[in-house]
N, C-alpha and C. Protein backbone atom coordinates (compact mmCIF):
# COMPACT_ATOMS: atom_id res chain seq x y z
N MET A 1 -5.32 -41.45 -17.74
CA MET A 1 -5.24 -42.67 -18.46
C MET A 1 -3.71 -42.64 -19.09
N PRO A 2 -2.83 -43.43 -18.88
CA PRO A 2 -1.63 -43.44 -19.55
C PRO A 2 -1.76 -43.13 -20.87
N TYR A 3 -0.63 -42.51 -21.44
CA TYR A 3 -0.55 -42.46 -23.04
C TYR A 3 1.07 -42.48 -23.46
N PRO A 4 1.32 -42.80 -24.76
CA PRO A 4 2.61 -42.76 -25.16
C PRO A 4 2.91 -41.64 -25.84
N ILE A 5 4.40 -41.29 -25.73
CA ILE A 5 4.74 -40.14 -26.42
C ILE A 5 4.84 -40.62 -27.80
N PRO A 6 5.21 -39.77 -28.86
CA PRO A 6 5.40 -40.21 -30.19
C PRO A 6 6.80 -41.10 -30.08
N ASP A 7 6.97 -42.26 -30.66
CA ASP A 7 8.21 -42.77 -30.64
C ASP A 7 8.71 -43.14 -31.98
N ASP A 8 8.53 -42.61 -32.84
CA ASP A 8 9.09 -42.72 -34.27
C ASP A 8 10.06 -41.79 -34.41
N GLY A 9 10.88 -41.82 -35.37
CA GLY A 9 11.98 -41.14 -35.34
C GLY A 9 13.05 -40.96 -34.36
N PRO A 10 13.88 -40.20 -34.09
CA PRO A 10 14.97 -40.05 -33.23
C PRO A 10 14.59 -40.42 -31.87
N VAL A 11 13.46 -40.08 -31.52
CA VAL A 11 12.89 -40.15 -30.18
C VAL A 11 12.73 -41.81 -29.95
N GLY A 12 11.98 -42.29 -30.92
CA GLY A 12 12.12 -43.93 -30.68
C GLY A 12 13.25 -44.71 -30.74
N ARG A 13 14.18 -44.19 -31.57
CA ARG A 13 15.63 -44.57 -31.29
C ARG A 13 16.26 -44.75 -30.31
N LEU A 14 16.11 -43.29 -29.60
CA LEU A 14 16.80 -43.11 -28.37
C LEU A 14 15.99 -43.96 -27.15
N LEU A 15 14.73 -43.88 -27.24
CA LEU A 15 14.00 -45.11 -26.21
C LEU A 15 14.45 -46.38 -26.49
N ALA A 16 14.49 -46.69 -27.62
CA ALA A 16 14.87 -48.29 -27.92
C ALA A 16 16.44 -48.58 -27.51
N ARG A 17 17.21 -47.41 -27.68
CA ARG A 17 18.88 -47.82 -27.09
C ARG A 17 19.25 -47.60 -25.90
N THR A 18 18.21 -47.05 -24.89
CA THR A 18 18.25 -46.84 -23.68
C THR A 18 17.10 -48.16 -23.06
N GLY A 19 16.40 -48.84 -23.74
CA GLY A 19 15.61 -49.99 -23.14
C GLY A 19 14.63 -49.30 -22.38
N ARG A 20 14.11 -48.02 -22.88
CA ARG A 20 13.07 -47.43 -22.24
C ARG A 20 11.65 -47.65 -23.08
N HIS A 21 10.45 -47.35 -22.48
CA HIS A 21 9.34 -47.57 -23.16
C HIS A 21 8.62 -46.13 -23.43
N PRO A 22 7.56 -45.82 -24.47
CA PRO A 22 7.47 -44.49 -24.55
C PRO A 22 6.15 -44.06 -23.63
N TRP A 23 5.80 -44.83 -22.57
CA TRP A 23 4.59 -44.32 -21.59
C TRP A 23 4.61 -43.38 -20.85
N ARG A 24 3.48 -42.24 -20.54
CA ARG A 24 3.44 -41.52 -19.70
C ARG A 24 2.66 -41.89 -18.72
N ALA A 25 3.01 -41.94 -17.22
CA ALA A 25 1.87 -42.18 -16.28
C ALA A 25 0.75 -41.11 -16.53
N ALA A 26 -0.43 -41.53 -16.12
CA ALA A 26 -1.56 -40.85 -16.00
C ALA A 26 -1.56 -39.61 -15.37
N HIS A 27 -1.78 -38.31 -15.86
CA HIS A 27 -1.93 -37.20 -14.97
C HIS A 27 -2.61 -36.11 -15.73
N ILE A 28 -2.77 -34.87 -15.00
CA ILE A 28 -3.65 -33.95 -15.52
C ILE A 28 -2.70 -32.73 -15.37
N HIS A 29 -2.73 -31.81 -16.55
CA HIS A 29 -1.97 -30.50 -16.65
C HIS A 29 -2.88 -29.38 -15.67
N LEU A 30 -1.99 -28.41 -15.18
CA LEU A 30 -2.68 -27.33 -14.06
C LEU A 30 -1.90 -26.12 -14.68
N LYS A 31 -2.60 -25.06 -14.75
CA LYS A 31 -2.08 -23.61 -14.98
C LYS A 31 -2.75 -22.70 -13.83
N VAL A 32 -2.28 -22.52 -12.83
CA VAL A 32 -2.84 -21.60 -11.85
C VAL A 32 -2.33 -20.27 -12.04
N SER A 33 -3.14 -19.30 -12.05
CA SER A 33 -3.00 -18.02 -11.75
C SER A 33 -3.95 -17.17 -10.96
N ALA A 34 -3.31 -16.00 -10.24
CA ALA A 34 -4.18 -14.92 -9.77
C ALA A 34 -3.48 -13.84 -9.52
N PRO A 35 -4.19 -13.00 -9.53
CA PRO A 35 -3.83 -11.33 -9.67
C PRO A 35 -2.73 -11.13 -8.57
N GLY A 36 -1.56 -10.47 -9.09
CA GLY A 36 -0.63 -10.24 -7.89
C GLY A 36 0.38 -11.31 -7.78
N HIS A 37 0.25 -12.54 -8.55
CA HIS A 37 0.92 -13.75 -8.10
C HIS A 37 1.45 -14.21 -9.53
N ARG A 38 2.66 -14.89 -9.31
CA ARG A 38 3.23 -15.80 -10.12
C ARG A 38 2.33 -16.80 -10.70
N THR A 39 2.33 -17.19 -12.17
CA THR A 39 1.63 -18.17 -12.59
C THR A 39 2.46 -19.56 -12.29
N VAL A 40 1.63 -20.73 -12.09
CA VAL A 40 2.30 -21.77 -11.95
C VAL A 40 1.58 -22.77 -13.17
N THR A 41 2.36 -23.60 -13.59
CA THR A 41 2.24 -24.57 -14.69
C THR A 41 2.95 -25.78 -14.12
N THR A 42 1.90 -26.70 -13.97
CA THR A 42 2.32 -28.13 -13.45
C THR A 42 1.59 -29.24 -13.54
N HIS A 43 1.75 -30.40 -12.97
CA HIS A 43 0.73 -31.73 -13.53
C HIS A 43 0.73 -32.44 -12.23
N VAL A 44 -0.40 -33.11 -12.10
CA VAL A 44 -0.77 -34.09 -11.02
C VAL A 44 -0.82 -35.27 -11.59
N PHE A 45 -0.07 -36.33 -10.93
CA PHE A 45 -0.21 -37.86 -11.47
C PHE A 45 -1.29 -38.62 -10.43
N ASP A 46 -1.91 -39.64 -11.14
CA ASP A 46 -2.89 -40.46 -10.65
C ASP A 46 -1.96 -41.64 -9.79
N GLY A 47 -2.09 -41.54 -8.45
CA GLY A 47 -1.42 -42.67 -7.80
C GLY A 47 -1.74 -44.01 -7.95
N ALA A 48 -2.89 -44.33 -8.70
CA ALA A 48 -3.21 -45.76 -9.26
C ALA A 48 -2.73 -45.95 -10.70
N SER A 49 -2.13 -45.09 -10.91
CA SER A 49 -1.75 -45.26 -12.86
C SER A 49 -0.36 -45.99 -12.85
N ASP A 50 -0.23 -46.77 -13.81
CA ASP A 50 0.85 -47.71 -14.50
C ASP A 50 1.93 -46.39 -14.65
N TYR A 51 3.18 -46.85 -14.66
CA TYR A 51 4.13 -46.08 -15.16
C TYR A 51 4.62 -45.05 -14.19
N LEU A 52 4.31 -45.10 -13.07
CA LEU A 52 4.57 -44.00 -12.19
C LEU A 52 6.41 -44.21 -11.85
N ASP A 53 6.69 -45.30 -11.66
CA ASP A 53 8.16 -45.61 -11.66
C ASP A 53 9.03 -45.59 -12.72
N SER A 54 8.45 -45.66 -13.78
CA SER A 54 9.39 -45.46 -15.10
C SER A 54 8.68 -44.56 -16.19
N ASP A 55 7.84 -43.67 -15.73
CA ASP A 55 7.50 -42.33 -16.55
C ASP A 55 8.51 -42.00 -17.54
N THR A 56 8.26 -42.07 -18.97
CA THR A 56 9.24 -42.07 -19.98
C THR A 56 10.07 -40.80 -19.80
N VAL A 57 9.51 -39.42 -19.45
CA VAL A 57 10.36 -38.14 -19.24
C VAL A 57 10.74 -38.16 -18.04
N PHE A 58 10.42 -39.00 -17.14
CA PHE A 58 11.09 -38.68 -15.80
C PHE A 58 10.23 -37.61 -15.02
N GLY A 59 9.03 -37.49 -15.17
CA GLY A 59 8.18 -36.30 -14.85
C GLY A 59 7.56 -36.55 -13.43
N VAL A 60 7.49 -37.82 -12.88
CA VAL A 60 6.63 -38.06 -11.59
C VAL A 60 7.50 -37.67 -10.46
N LYS A 61 7.07 -36.82 -9.49
CA LYS A 61 7.61 -36.35 -8.16
C LYS A 61 6.54 -36.99 -7.23
N GLY A 62 6.85 -37.63 -5.98
CA GLY A 62 6.19 -37.86 -4.99
C GLY A 62 5.03 -36.79 -4.60
N SER A 63 5.79 -35.64 -4.57
CA SER A 63 4.73 -34.29 -4.19
C SER A 63 3.61 -34.32 -5.42
N LEU A 64 3.81 -34.77 -6.37
CA LEU A 64 2.63 -34.63 -7.49
C LEU A 64 2.05 -35.70 -7.63
N VAL A 65 2.00 -36.88 -7.04
CA VAL A 65 1.03 -38.02 -7.16
C VAL A 65 -0.04 -37.91 -6.09
N ARG A 66 -1.19 -37.97 -6.47
CA ARG A 66 -2.44 -37.92 -5.65
C ARG A 66 -3.33 -39.01 -6.09
N ASP A 67 -4.53 -39.28 -4.95
CA ASP A 67 -5.45 -40.50 -5.23
C ASP A 67 -6.62 -39.48 -6.22
N PHE A 68 -6.89 -40.17 -6.96
CA PHE A 68 -8.28 -39.68 -7.53
C PHE A 68 -9.42 -40.62 -7.39
N VAL A 69 -10.54 -40.08 -6.28
CA VAL A 69 -11.37 -41.09 -6.03
C VAL A 69 -12.61 -40.72 -6.68
N PRO A 70 -13.84 -41.64 -6.73
CA PRO A 70 -15.18 -41.05 -7.31
C PRO A 70 -15.85 -40.21 -6.15
N GLY A 71 -16.37 -39.21 -6.57
CA GLY A 71 -17.17 -38.39 -5.68
C GLY A 71 -18.80 -38.83 -5.87
N PRO A 72 -19.39 -37.97 -5.39
CA PRO A 72 -21.21 -38.50 -5.24
C PRO A 72 -21.65 -38.64 -6.33
N ASP A 73 -21.32 -37.82 -7.40
CA ASP A 73 -21.87 -38.11 -8.73
C ASP A 73 -21.25 -39.07 -9.71
N GLY A 74 -19.83 -39.44 -9.15
CA GLY A 74 -19.38 -40.45 -10.04
C GLY A 74 -17.93 -39.55 -10.82
N ALA A 75 -17.91 -38.36 -10.58
CA ALA A 75 -16.73 -37.83 -11.17
C ALA A 75 -15.78 -38.07 -10.41
N LEU A 76 -14.44 -38.27 -10.91
CA LEU A 76 -13.12 -38.26 -9.86
C LEU A 76 -12.78 -37.09 -9.25
N VAL A 77 -12.38 -37.21 -8.16
CA VAL A 77 -12.12 -35.94 -7.46
C VAL A 77 -10.56 -36.26 -6.82
N CYS A 78 -9.80 -35.00 -7.21
CA CYS A 78 -8.31 -35.10 -6.78
C CYS A 78 -8.18 -33.62 -5.77
N VAL A 79 -7.56 -33.83 -4.42
CA VAL A 79 -7.08 -32.53 -3.83
C VAL A 79 -5.85 -32.44 -3.89
N HIS A 80 -5.25 -31.27 -4.40
CA HIS A 80 -4.01 -31.06 -4.26
C HIS A 80 -3.67 -29.50 -4.11
N ASP A 81 -3.09 -29.03 -3.07
CA ASP A 81 -2.81 -27.57 -2.85
C ASP A 81 -1.68 -26.98 -3.66
N VAL A 82 -2.05 -26.05 -4.23
CA VAL A 82 -0.97 -25.03 -5.04
C VAL A 82 -0.86 -23.79 -4.57
N VAL A 83 0.55 -23.48 -4.14
CA VAL A 83 1.08 -22.14 -3.75
C VAL A 83 1.36 -21.12 -4.59
N LEU A 84 1.11 -20.26 -4.77
CA LEU A 84 1.52 -19.04 -5.63
C LEU A 84 2.26 -18.21 -4.78
N LEU A 85 3.41 -17.68 -5.51
CA LEU A 85 4.29 -16.72 -4.99
C LEU A 85 3.91 -15.41 -5.49
N PRO A 86 4.14 -14.24 -4.62
CA PRO A 86 3.85 -13.01 -5.17
C PRO A 86 4.61 -12.57 -6.33
N GLU A 87 4.16 -11.89 -7.03
CA GLU A 87 4.86 -11.24 -8.19
C GLU A 87 6.05 -10.57 -7.73
N GLU A 88 7.13 -10.57 -8.44
CA GLU A 88 8.35 -9.61 -7.95
C GLU A 88 8.31 -8.27 -8.56
């Protein structure tokens, strides 16, 4: 579900002056780790979300956009590969 960032104070003034809205495209946050590998913190965006082309913090990349589809039990399912690099 899309949500707005706080737009009061200086952030709100900056958004207003640049003609931008405060909305983030719908996304989920991921933090993936495994022993012997570097941790990855990222997010995945819902391909059906509003604001993909105008996310207020410019966070949407095509490689992070996925379809969220209903599974057999009605829960939304998203497939996204995450690659972890070995620790140095």
